[in-house]
């Protein structure tokens, strides 16, 4: 039976026309599946379904998602992540492939921070790490899913040395907006996105060089847990507000009200930038 599948040009280019046509004809596509984003059941015979291809260095894993949750796209991941996906498939017989787990330690929930990698350079020889906190932030009377990014040390421009902190100027050059207060939802930063898959937070993606595939600006050591309320808000808005502040501006806040207070103080002191990032956008 033909399936209501969306196969993007990028996915088709990776899997080939013959395989894409077999999927659309229903030969290799599942009927029912667990959405790789919201983790709820889907049926490709009854509702629009996106094909999401996770590509590693040597192998690839095809996942399925509600089209209302994720667009059809190609996502670059590591071989370690793909091995985690295979383990997940073997553990859930008949389940479609999803974003794999990562083995390195790290966790996050609303009001808690987690570490990840980003292509930034610390002002001292050791590599800087970005702490990421998820939470719901009230803006103009509505709750919005937010990520707060704060490095563990001052950031300088790649290829330079010094004792300054260029974290905010670097982000402003990328299109993030300086804030003096959280009074409105910031503009959308096109080309950037937040990858939420299998109900967990995986990465913040930025545009690749020369209009190539998106690459990870920040990537979790292992997929990060978010609350059901945060995920529901993200699926509702299909976008996430990303706040960023220099080291020492926010800290690890145990509650969302304390996180909001820290954000307001950082904005008032000119130490906060923000942008709206589409949810797993291409």
Protein backbone atom coordinates (compact mmCIF):
# COMPACT_ATOMS: atom_id res chain seq x y z
CA UNK A 1 0.00 0.00 0.00
CA UNK A 2 1.38 3.47 -0.87
CA UNK A 3 2.45 5.48 2.17
CA UNK A 4 1.89 9.13 2.98
CA UNK A 5 5.62 9.73 3.21
CA UNK A 6 7.57 12.94 2.75
CA UNK A 7 11.00 12.20 1.29
CA UNK A 8 13.03 15.40 0.96
CA UNK A 9 15.49 15.94 -1.87
CA UNK A 10 18.33 15.64 0.65
CA UNK A 11 17.10 12.26 1.89
CA UNK A 12 16.48 11.04 -1.67
CA UNK A 13 20.01 12.05 -2.64
CA UNK A 14 21.40 9.94 0.19
CA UNK A 15 19.30 6.79 -0.21
CA UNK A 16 18.89 6.90 -4.00
CA UNK A 17 15.82 7.17 -6.23
CA UNK A 18 15.15 3.42 -6.23
CA UNK A 19 15.01 3.14 -2.44
CA UNK A 20 12.98 6.36 -2.15
CA UNK A 21 10.43 5.03 -4.64
CA UNK A 22 10.19 1.74 -2.73
CA UNK A 23 9.49 3.67 0.45
CA UNK A 24 6.78 5.74 -1.20
CA UNK A 25 5.22 2.58 -2.62
CA UNK A 26 5.10 1.08 0.86
CA UNK A 27 7.56 -1.74 0.20
CA UNK A 28 10.11 -0.77 2.87
CA UNK A 29 8.13 1.72 4.97
CA UNK A 30 6.42 0.75 8.22
CA UNK A 31 2.72 1.18 8.64
CA UNK A 32 2.75 2.08 12.31
CA UNK A 33 5.80 3.62 13.98
CA UNK A 34 6.85 5.60 17.04
CA UNK A 35 7.57 9.20 16.05
CA UNK A 36 11.27 9.93 16.45
CA UNK A 37 10.40 13.35 17.87
CA UNK A 38 7.36 13.11 20.15
CA UNK A 39 7.59 9.33 20.79
CA UNK A 40 3.85 8.86 20.17
CA UNK A 41 2.48 6.34 17.62
CA UNK A 42 2.07 7.27 13.97
CA UNK A 43 0.70 5.54 10.88
CA UNK A 44 2.24 6.30 7.51
CA UNK A 45 -0.84 4.89 5.77
CA UNK A 46 -3.11 7.38 7.51
CA UNK A 47 -1.10 10.58 8.14
CA UNK A 48 1.73 12.56 6.63
CA UNK A 49 5.03 11.07 7.78
CA UNK A 50 8.56 12.45 7.41
CA UNK A 51 11.60 10.35 6.62
CA UNK A 52 14.56 11.49 8.72
CA UNK A 53 17.95 10.05 7.80
CA UNK A 54 20.68 10.08 10.44
CA UNK A 55 24.04 9.77 8.68
CA UNK A 56 27.29 8.76 10.35
CA UNK A 57 30.79 8.43 9.00
CA UNK A 58 30.12 5.05 7.37
CA UNK A 59 26.51 4.07 7.99
CA UNK A 60 23.05 5.60 8.17
CA UNK A 61 19.80 5.01 10.05
CA UNK A 62 16.37 5.91 8.68
CA UNK A 63 13.75 7.17 11.14
CA UNK A 64 10.13 8.23 10.79
CA UNK A 65 8.30 11.15 12.35
CA UNK A 66 4.97 12.91 12.13
CA UNK A 67 5.29 15.63 9.50
CA UNK A 68 3.83 18.02 12.07
CA UNK A 69 6.76 17.23 14.39
CA UNK A 70 9.74 17.14 12.01
CA UNK A 71 10.36 17.84 8.33
CA UNK A 72 12.05 15.24 6.18
CA UNK A 73 15.77 15.92 6.44
CA UNK A 74 19.29 14.53 6.74
CA UNK A 75 21.00 14.88 10.12
CA UNK A 76 24.73 14.29 10.53
CA UNK A 77 25.60 12.22 13.62
CA UNK A 78 28.53 10.16 14.84
CA UNK A 79 29.14 6.45 14.38
CA UNK A 80 28.81 6.06 18.15
CA UNK A 81 25.33 7.52 17.97
CA UNK A 82 24.38 5.16 15.16
CA UNK A 83 25.57 2.17 17.14
CA UNK A 84 23.24 3.35 19.89
CA UNK A 85 20.41 3.45 17.37
CA UNK A 86 21.07 -0.14 16.36
CA UNK A 87 21.00 -1.18 20.03
CA UNK A 88 17.70 0.66 20.38
CA UNK A 89 16.24 -1.15 17.37
CA UNK A 90 17.36 -4.53 18.67
CA UNK A 91 15.83 -3.75 22.05
CA UNK A 92 12.49 -2.81 20.49
CA UNK A 93 11.76 -5.37 17.80
CA UNK A 94 9.82 -3.88 14.93
CA UNK A 95 10.37 -0.30 16.06
CA UNK A 96 11.73 2.12 13.45
CA UNK A 97 15.17 3.60 13.86
CA UNK A 98 15.45 6.78 15.85
CA UNK A 99 18.10 9.14 17.04
CA UNK A 100 20.63 7.03 18.92
CA UNK A 101 21.75 7.38 22.50
CA UNK A 102 25.25 8.62 23.26
CA UNK A 103 27.36 6.86 25.85
CA UNK A 104 29.24 9.80 27.37
CA UNK A 105 27.90 11.14 30.68
CA UNK A 106 25.64 14.18 30.84
CA UNK A 107 22.05 14.91 31.73
CA UNK A 108 19.61 17.77 31.75
CA UNK A 109 16.07 18.57 32.72
CA UNK A 110 14.22 21.82 33.22
CA UNK A 111 16.21 23.87 35.69
CA UNK A 112 19.28 21.63 35.38
CA UNK A 113 22.36 22.10 33.24
CA UNK A 114 24.24 19.74 30.99
CA UNK A 115 27.54 20.00 29.18
CA UNK A 116 28.17 19.59 25.48
CA UNK A 117 30.68 20.46 22.81
CA UNK A 118 30.69 23.55 20.60
CA UNK A 119 33.25 24.85 18.08
CA UNK A 120 34.45 27.68 20.29
CA UNK A 121 37.86 28.48 21.70
CA UNK A 122 38.55 29.12 25.35
CA UNK A 123 40.81 31.97 26.43
CA UNK A 124 43.12 29.40 28.07
CA UNK A 125 44.44 26.25 26.41
CA UNK A 126 41.80 23.86 27.83
CA UNK A 127 38.66 23.43 25.75
CA UNK A 128 35.64 25.41 26.88
CA UNK A 129 32.34 23.61 27.42
CA UNK A 130 28.88 25.04 27.00
CA UNK A 131 26.38 24.41 29.76
CA UNK A 132 22.78 24.15 28.52
CA UNK A 133 19.68 24.53 30.67
CA UNK A 134 16.12 23.96 29.44
CA UNK A 135 13.09 25.70 30.86
CA UNK A 136 9.79 27.37 30.10
CA UNK A 137 9.97 31.16 29.93
CA UNK A 138 6.93 33.45 30.10
CA UNK A 139 7.00 36.04 27.31
CA UNK A 140 4.04 38.34 26.58
CA UNK A 141 1.74 36.14 28.63
CA UNK A 142 2.63 32.83 26.98
CA UNK A 143 5.03 30.08 27.96
CA UNK A 144 7.79 29.41 25.45
CA UNK A 145 10.31 26.55 25.45
CA UNK A 146 13.78 27.97 26.03
CA UNK A 147 17.39 26.87 26.16
CA UNK A 148 19.94 28.88 28.11
CA UNK A 149 23.57 28.53 27.02
CA UNK A 150 26.47 29.62 29.22
CA UNK A 151 30.14 28.63 28.71
CA UNK A 152 32.30 27.39 31.55
CA UNK A 153 35.05 29.91 30.72
CA UNK A 154 35.60 33.06 28.63
CA UNK A 155 35.46 32.51 24.87
CA UNK A 156 37.84 34.15 22.40
CA UNK A 157 37.72 34.16 18.63
CA UNK A 158 39.08 31.01 16.99
CA UNK A 159 42.72 31.43 16.09
CA UNK A 160 43.34 34.22 18.58
CA UNK A 161 44.67 34.37 22.12
CA UNK A 162 43.92 36.74 24.93
CA UNK A 163 42.03 37.16 28.17
CA UNK A 164 38.87 38.82 26.84
CA UNK A 165 35.47 37.26 26.23
CA UNK A 166 34.08 37.36 22.68
CA UNK A 167 31.18 34.97 23.26
CA UNK A 168 28.39 37.51 22.83
CA UNK A 169 30.02 39.45 19.95
CA UNK A 170 30.52 36.17 18.07
CA UNK A 171 26.85 35.30 18.50
CA UNK A 172 25.68 38.79 17.57
CA UNK A 173 27.67 38.47 14.35
CA UNK A 174 25.73 35.25 13.68
CA UNK A 175 22.41 37.07 14.05
CA UNK A 176 21.57 36.78 17.75
CA UNK A 177 19.91 39.89 19.21
CA UNK A 178 21.23 41.71 22.30
CA UNK A 179 18.54 42.04 24.97
CA UNK A 180 18.02 44.64 27.67
CA UNK A 181 14.84 42.93 28.83
CA UNK A 182 12.73 39.87 28.03
CA UNK A 183 9.68 41.74 26.79
CA UNK A 184 9.07 40.12 23.40
CA UNK A 185 9.90 36.96 21.47
CA UNK A 186 13.15 37.60 19.55
CA UNK A 187 13.33 37.18 15.76
CA UNK A 188 13.79 33.80 14.11
CA UNK A 189 17.40 32.99 13.21
CA UNK A 190 17.04 31.13 9.93
CA UNK A 191 19.53 28.38 9.20
CA UNK A 192 19.88 27.48 12.88
CA UNK A 193 17.68 24.86 14.55
CA UNK A 194 17.19 22.76 17.66
CA UNK A 195 17.23 18.99 17.16
CA UNK A 196 14.69 17.30 19.42
CA UNK A 197 14.29 13.62 18.56
CA UNK A 198 13.04 10.52 20.36
CA UNK A 199 11.59 12.97 22.85
CA UNK A 200 15.06 14.17 23.86
CA UNK A 201 17.32 17.13 23.12
CA UNK A 202 20.28 16.26 20.92
CA UNK A 203 21.88 19.36 19.45
CA UNK A 204 21.73 22.98 18.38
CA UNK A 205 22.51 23.09 14.68
CA UNK A 206 24.00 25.96 12.68
CA UNK A 207 24.35 26.39 8.91
CA UNK A 208 27.11 24.38 7.28
CA UNK A 209 29.80 26.02 5.20
CA UNK A 210 29.03 26.82 1.58
CA UNK A 211 25.32 26.05 2.07
CA UNK A 212 26.10 22.49 3.13
CA UNK A 213 24.32 20.35 5.69
CA UNK A 214 23.66 21.85 9.12
CA UNK A 215 26.40 21.09 11.63
CA UNK A 216 26.29 20.90 15.41
CA UNK A 217 27.11 24.18 17.16
CA UNK A 218 26.38 22.42 20.45
CA UNK A 219 25.88 18.68 20.82
CA UNK A 220 24.94 16.75 23.94
CA UNK A 221 27.28 14.06 25.19
CA UNK A 222 24.13 11.96 25.41
CA UNK A 223 20.51 12.88 24.56
CA UNK A 224 19.10 15.18 27.22
CA UNK A 225 15.79 14.63 28.93
CA UNK A 226 13.26 17.47 28.84
CA UNK A 227 9.94 17.63 30.63
CA UNK A 228 6.67 16.72 28.94
CA UNK A 229 5.56 20.36 29.33
CA UNK A 230 8.72 21.64 27.60
CA UNK A 231 8.38 19.15 24.74
CA UNK A 232 4.67 19.95 24.35
CA UNK A 233 5.44 23.68 24.15
CA UNK A 234 8.19 23.03 21.60
CA UNK A 235 5.86 20.95 19.44
CA UNK A 236 3.16 23.60 19.75
CA UNK A 237 5.36 26.52 18.72
CA UNK A 238 7.68 24.48 16.46
CA UNK A 239 10.48 26.70 17.70
CA UNK A 240 12.68 27.29 20.74
CA UNK A 241 14.01 30.52 22.24
CA UNK A 242 17.76 30.25 22.77
CA UNK A 243 19.33 32.62 25.30
CA UNK A 244 23.10 32.94 25.66
CA UNK A 245 25.17 34.71 28.31
CA UNK A 246 28.89 34.89 29.22
CA UNK A 247 30.41 32.70 31.90
CA UNK A 248 29.20 33.59 35.38
CA UNK A 249 26.08 35.43 34.24
CA UNK A 250 23.40 32.79 34.85
CA UNK A 251 24.78 29.90 36.88
CA UNK A 252 23.07 26.58 37.53
CA UNK A 253 19.61 27.47 38.75
CA UNK A 254 17.53 24.67 40.33
CA UNK A 255 14.12 26.19 39.50
CA UNK A 256 12.58 27.95 36.53
CA UNK A 257 11.66 31.04 38.57
CA UNK A 258 15.27 31.44 39.65
CA UNK A 259 16.40 30.87 36.06
CA UNK A 260 14.07 33.65 34.91
CA UNK A 261 15.43 36.00 37.59
CA UNK A 262 18.98 35.29 36.42
CA UNK A 263 17.99 35.92 32.80
CA UNK A 264 16.36 39.24 33.71
CA UNK A 265 19.47 40.35 35.61
CA UNK A 266 21.76 39.35 32.73
CA UNK A 267 19.60 41.27 30.26
CA UNK A 268 19.51 44.36 32.46
CA UNK A 269 23.31 44.34 32.62
CA UNK A 270 23.71 43.90 28.86
CA UNK A 271 24.95 40.33 29.19
CA UNK A 272 22.27 38.44 27.26
CA UNK A 273 21.57 37.68 23.60
CA UNK A 274 18.76 35.60 22.15
CA UNK A 275 17.17 34.23 19.00
CA UNK A 276 14.29 31.98 18.08
CA UNK A 277 15.44 28.70 16.48
CA UNK A 278 13.08 26.46 14.51
CA UNK A 279 12.54 23.01 15.94
CA UNK A 280 14.76 20.61 13.99
CA UNK A 281 14.51 22.90 10.98
CA UNK A 282 16.50 22.42 7.80
